[in-house]
N, C-alpha and C. Protein backbone atom coordinates (compact mmCIF):
# COMPACT_ATOMS: atom_id res chain seq x y z
N MET A 1 7.19 33.72 -48.33
CA MET A 1 8.50 33.94 -48.88
C MET A 1 9.15 32.60 -49.26
N CYS A 2 9.03 31.61 -48.41
CA CYS A 2 9.63 30.30 -48.69
C CYS A 2 8.99 29.66 -49.92
N ALA A 3 7.68 29.85 -50.08
CA ALA A 3 7.00 29.28 -51.25
C ALA A 3 7.53 29.90 -52.54
N PHE A 4 7.80 31.20 -52.54
CA PHE A 4 8.36 31.86 -53.72
C PHE A 4 9.78 31.36 -54.01
N LEU A 5 10.58 31.17 -52.96
CA LEU A 5 11.92 30.65 -53.15
C LEU A 5 11.89 29.21 -53.68
N LEU A 6 10.97 28.41 -53.15
CA LEU A 6 10.83 27.05 -53.63
C LEU A 6 10.40 27.04 -55.11
N GLY A 7 9.47 27.90 -55.47
CA GLY A 7 9.04 28.00 -56.87
C GLY A 7 10.17 28.46 -57.77
N ALA A 8 10.99 29.40 -57.30
CA ALA A 8 12.12 29.89 -58.10
C ALA A 8 13.13 28.78 -58.33
N THR A 9 13.39 27.97 -57.32
CA THR A 9 14.34 26.87 -57.51
C THR A 9 13.78 25.81 -58.45
N GLN A 10 12.47 25.61 -58.43
CA GLN A 10 11.87 24.66 -59.37
C GLN A 10 11.96 25.18 -60.80
N LEU A 11 11.79 26.47 -60.99
CA LEU A 11 11.96 27.06 -62.32
C LEU A 11 13.41 26.92 -62.79
N LEU A 12 14.35 27.13 -61.88
CA LEU A 12 15.75 26.96 -62.21
C LEU A 12 16.04 25.51 -62.62
N PHE A 13 15.48 24.54 -61.87
CA PHE A 13 15.65 23.13 -62.21
C PHE A 13 15.04 22.82 -63.57
N ALA A 14 13.83 23.30 -63.84
CA ALA A 14 13.17 23.02 -65.11
C ALA A 14 13.95 23.62 -66.28
N ALA A 15 14.46 24.83 -66.11
CA ALA A 15 15.25 25.46 -67.18
C ALA A 15 16.53 24.67 -67.45
N ASN A 16 17.20 24.23 -66.40
CA ASN A 16 18.42 23.43 -66.55
C ASN A 16 18.10 22.09 -67.21
N PHE A 17 17.00 21.47 -66.86
CA PHE A 17 16.59 20.20 -67.43
C PHE A 17 16.34 20.34 -68.93
N VAL A 18 15.56 21.34 -69.32
CA VAL A 18 15.23 21.54 -70.73
C VAL A 18 16.48 21.90 -71.52
N TRP A 19 17.34 22.77 -70.98
CA TRP A 19 18.57 23.13 -71.68
C TRP A 19 19.47 21.90 -71.87
N SER A 20 19.61 21.08 -70.81
CA SER A 20 20.45 19.88 -70.90
C SER A 20 19.89 18.86 -71.87
N LEU A 21 18.58 18.79 -71.96
CA LEU A 21 17.94 17.83 -72.84
C LEU A 21 18.24 18.12 -74.30
N PHE A 22 18.25 19.40 -74.68
CA PHE A 22 18.43 19.76 -76.08
C PHE A 22 19.84 20.26 -76.42
N LYS A 23 20.52 20.90 -75.51
CA LYS A 23 21.82 21.51 -75.80
C LYS A 23 22.97 20.89 -75.01
N GLY A 24 22.67 20.00 -74.08
CA GLY A 24 23.70 19.43 -73.22
C GLY A 24 24.61 18.45 -73.93
N LYS A 25 25.76 18.20 -73.35
CA LYS A 25 26.74 17.27 -73.89
C LYS A 25 26.23 15.84 -73.70
N LYS A 26 26.36 15.00 -74.72
CA LYS A 26 25.94 13.60 -74.65
C LYS A 26 26.92 12.82 -73.78
N ALA A 27 26.38 11.97 -72.93
CA ALA A 27 27.22 11.15 -72.07
C ALA A 27 27.76 9.97 -72.86
N GLU A 28 28.95 9.52 -72.49
CA GLU A 28 29.52 8.34 -73.12
C GLU A 28 28.77 7.10 -72.65
N ARG A 29 29.09 5.96 -73.21
CA ARG A 29 28.37 4.73 -72.91
C ARG A 29 28.50 4.34 -71.43
N ASN A 30 29.65 4.48 -70.83
CA ASN A 30 29.87 4.11 -69.43
C ASN A 30 30.51 5.28 -68.70
N PRO A 31 29.74 6.32 -68.37
CA PRO A 31 30.35 7.52 -67.80
C PRO A 31 30.95 7.32 -66.42
N TRP A 32 30.51 6.32 -65.67
CA TRP A 32 31.04 6.09 -64.33
C TRP A 32 32.15 5.06 -64.33
N ARG A 33 32.49 4.51 -65.51
CA ARG A 33 33.52 3.50 -65.65
C ARG A 33 33.28 2.33 -64.69
N ALA A 34 32.04 1.83 -64.72
CA ALA A 34 31.64 0.70 -63.88
C ALA A 34 32.10 -0.60 -64.51
N ASN A 35 32.33 -1.60 -63.70
CA ASN A 35 32.81 -2.89 -64.18
C ASN A 35 31.70 -3.82 -64.64
N SER A 36 30.48 -3.59 -64.20
CA SER A 36 29.39 -4.54 -64.45
C SER A 36 28.97 -4.57 -65.92
N LEU A 37 28.37 -5.68 -66.30
CA LEU A 37 28.11 -6.02 -67.70
C LEU A 37 27.06 -5.12 -68.36
N GLU A 38 26.11 -4.59 -67.60
CA GLU A 38 25.04 -3.80 -68.24
C GLU A 38 25.55 -2.54 -68.91
N TRP A 39 26.74 -2.06 -68.53
CA TRP A 39 27.28 -0.85 -69.14
C TRP A 39 27.88 -1.11 -70.50
N SER A 40 28.02 -2.38 -70.90
CA SER A 40 28.52 -2.69 -72.23
C SER A 40 27.39 -2.84 -73.25
N ALA A 41 26.14 -2.78 -72.80
CA ALA A 41 24.99 -2.88 -73.70
C ALA A 41 24.77 -1.55 -74.42
N PRO A 42 24.35 -1.58 -75.68
CA PRO A 42 24.06 -0.33 -76.39
C PRO A 42 22.80 0.33 -75.85
N SER A 43 22.63 1.61 -76.14
CA SER A 43 21.44 2.33 -75.70
C SER A 43 20.78 2.97 -76.90
N PRO A 44 19.53 2.71 -77.17
CA PRO A 44 18.64 1.76 -76.50
C PRO A 44 19.03 0.32 -76.83
N PRO A 45 18.84 -0.58 -75.88
CA PRO A 45 19.27 -1.96 -76.10
C PRO A 45 18.38 -2.68 -77.10
N PRO A 46 18.96 -3.57 -77.91
CA PRO A 46 18.15 -4.36 -78.84
C PRO A 46 17.41 -5.47 -78.07
N HIS A 47 16.62 -6.23 -78.78
CA HIS A 47 15.91 -7.35 -78.16
C HIS A 47 16.93 -8.31 -77.56
N GLY A 48 16.81 -8.64 -76.30
CA GLY A 48 17.76 -9.51 -75.63
C GLY A 48 18.91 -8.76 -74.98
N ASN A 49 18.93 -7.43 -75.08
CA ASN A 49 19.88 -6.51 -74.45
C ASN A 49 21.25 -6.42 -75.12
N PHE A 50 21.72 -7.44 -75.80
CA PHE A 50 23.04 -7.41 -76.43
C PHE A 50 22.92 -7.84 -77.88
N ALA A 51 23.70 -7.23 -78.77
CA ALA A 51 23.69 -7.62 -80.17
C ALA A 51 24.24 -9.04 -80.32
N THR A 52 25.29 -9.36 -79.57
CA THR A 52 25.83 -10.72 -79.49
C THR A 52 25.97 -11.07 -78.02
N THR A 53 25.94 -12.34 -77.70
CA THR A 53 26.05 -12.76 -76.31
C THR A 53 27.47 -12.46 -75.82
N PRO A 54 27.59 -11.67 -74.73
CA PRO A 54 28.93 -11.32 -74.25
C PRO A 54 29.58 -12.49 -73.52
N VAL A 55 30.90 -12.54 -73.58
CA VAL A 55 31.68 -13.52 -72.82
C VAL A 55 32.14 -12.82 -71.56
N VAL A 56 31.89 -13.47 -70.42
CA VAL A 56 32.22 -12.87 -69.12
C VAL A 56 33.47 -13.54 -68.57
N TYR A 57 34.45 -12.73 -68.16
CA TYR A 57 35.73 -13.25 -67.68
C TYR A 57 35.91 -13.10 -66.18
N ARG A 58 35.12 -12.27 -65.51
CA ARG A 58 35.30 -12.04 -64.07
C ARG A 58 34.00 -11.53 -63.48
N GLY A 59 33.94 -11.43 -62.17
CA GLY A 59 32.75 -10.94 -61.48
C GLY A 59 32.58 -9.44 -61.66
N PRO A 60 31.38 -8.91 -61.34
CA PRO A 60 31.12 -7.49 -61.59
C PRO A 60 31.79 -6.54 -60.62
N TYR A 61 32.23 -7.01 -59.47
CA TYR A 61 32.76 -6.09 -58.46
C TYR A 61 34.22 -6.37 -58.14
N GLU A 62 34.97 -6.82 -59.11
CA GLU A 62 36.39 -7.08 -58.91
C GLU A 62 37.18 -5.83 -59.28
N TYR A 63 37.41 -5.01 -58.29
CA TYR A 63 38.19 -3.78 -58.47
C TYR A 63 39.63 -4.04 -58.08
N SER A 64 40.53 -3.20 -58.53
CA SER A 64 41.96 -3.29 -58.24
C SER A 64 42.51 -4.66 -58.61
N SER A 65 42.18 -5.11 -59.79
CA SER A 65 42.67 -6.39 -60.27
C SER A 65 44.13 -6.27 -60.68
N PRO A 66 44.93 -7.30 -60.43
CA PRO A 66 46.32 -7.25 -60.88
C PRO A 66 46.44 -7.32 -62.40
N GLU A 67 45.34 -7.61 -63.10
CA GLU A 67 45.35 -7.66 -64.56
C GLU A 67 45.32 -6.28 -65.19
N SER A 68 45.06 -5.25 -64.40
CA SER A 68 44.88 -3.92 -64.96
C SER A 68 45.64 -2.89 -64.15
N GLU A 69 46.12 -1.87 -64.83
CA GLU A 69 46.81 -0.76 -64.15
C GLU A 69 45.81 0.14 -63.41
N GLU A 70 44.58 0.18 -63.87
CA GLU A 70 43.55 1.04 -63.26
C GLU A 70 42.47 0.18 -62.62
N ASP A 71 41.59 0.80 -61.86
CA ASP A 71 40.51 0.06 -61.20
C ASP A 71 39.43 -0.39 -62.17
N TYR A 72 39.32 0.27 -63.30
CA TYR A 72 38.28 -0.02 -64.27
C TYR A 72 38.66 -1.24 -65.10
N LEU A 73 37.95 -2.35 -64.93
CA LEU A 73 38.20 -3.56 -65.69
C LEU A 73 36.87 -4.26 -65.93
N PRO A 74 36.19 -3.96 -67.05
CA PRO A 74 34.86 -4.52 -67.31
C PRO A 74 34.87 -6.05 -67.36
N GLN A 75 33.71 -6.63 -67.08
CA GLN A 75 33.56 -8.08 -67.06
C GLN A 75 33.84 -8.71 -68.40
N ASP A 76 33.54 -8.02 -69.49
CA ASP A 76 33.68 -8.63 -70.80
C ASP A 76 35.04 -8.36 -71.45
N ARG A 77 35.96 -7.74 -70.74
CA ARG A 77 37.31 -7.53 -71.27
C ARG A 77 38.16 -8.75 -70.92
N PRO A 78 38.79 -9.38 -71.94
CA PRO A 78 39.59 -10.58 -71.65
C PRO A 78 40.82 -10.24 -70.82
N PRO A 79 41.31 -11.23 -70.04
CA PRO A 79 42.52 -10.98 -69.25
C PRO A 79 43.72 -10.70 -70.14
N THR A 80 44.60 -9.87 -69.68
CA THR A 80 45.80 -9.53 -70.44
C THR A 80 47.01 -10.12 -69.74
N GLU A 81 48.00 -10.43 -70.52
CA GLU A 81 49.25 -10.95 -69.97
C GLU A 81 50.13 -9.76 -69.58
N ARG A 82 50.54 -9.73 -68.33
CA ARG A 82 51.46 -8.69 -67.86
C ARG A 82 52.78 -9.34 -67.53
N PRO A 83 53.88 -8.66 -67.78
CA PRO A 83 55.17 -9.26 -67.44
C PRO A 83 55.29 -9.45 -65.93
N ALA A 84 55.92 -10.54 -65.56
CA ALA A 84 56.15 -10.83 -64.14
C ALA A 84 57.11 -9.80 -63.57
N PRO A 85 56.93 -9.40 -62.32
CA PRO A 85 57.84 -8.43 -61.72
C PRO A 85 59.24 -9.04 -61.59
N GLN A 86 60.24 -8.23 -61.84
CA GLN A 86 61.62 -8.67 -61.76
C GLN A 86 62.08 -8.65 -60.30
N PRO A 87 62.79 -9.68 -59.86
CA PRO A 87 63.27 -9.68 -58.48
C PRO A 87 64.33 -8.60 -58.27
N VAL A 88 64.32 -8.04 -57.08
CA VAL A 88 65.29 -7.01 -56.72
C VAL A 88 66.53 -7.70 -56.18
N PRO A 89 67.71 -7.40 -56.73
CA PRO A 89 68.93 -8.06 -56.22
C PRO A 89 69.23 -7.62 -54.78
N ALA A 90 69.61 -8.59 -53.96
CA ALA A 90 69.93 -8.31 -52.57
C ALA A 90 71.34 -7.73 -52.47
N GLY A 91 71.51 -6.76 -51.60
CA GLY A 91 72.82 -6.20 -51.32
C GLY A 91 73.33 -5.23 -52.37
N GLY A 92 72.48 -4.84 -53.36
CA GLY A 92 72.70 -3.91 -54.40
C GLY A 92 73.97 -3.35 -54.64
């Protein structure tokens, strides 16, 4: 009985794989919104991995940077100028 159940799940996996291969939605370039540089390379990558040599501004694992409102900040994105926080007046 277990062998039949195992075979049925393998058939289910194979059907899902084939359907996804031909009819599934295409993933974006960086679906996990990772910061590391390899996610900025095109797919399939050209010779040398990048069409032009990327400029790197920060390390690959710098999350929660003050330069960005969100955690996602790729290595090849230049730093942005953010306005300095305004001081809160005392005794309001």
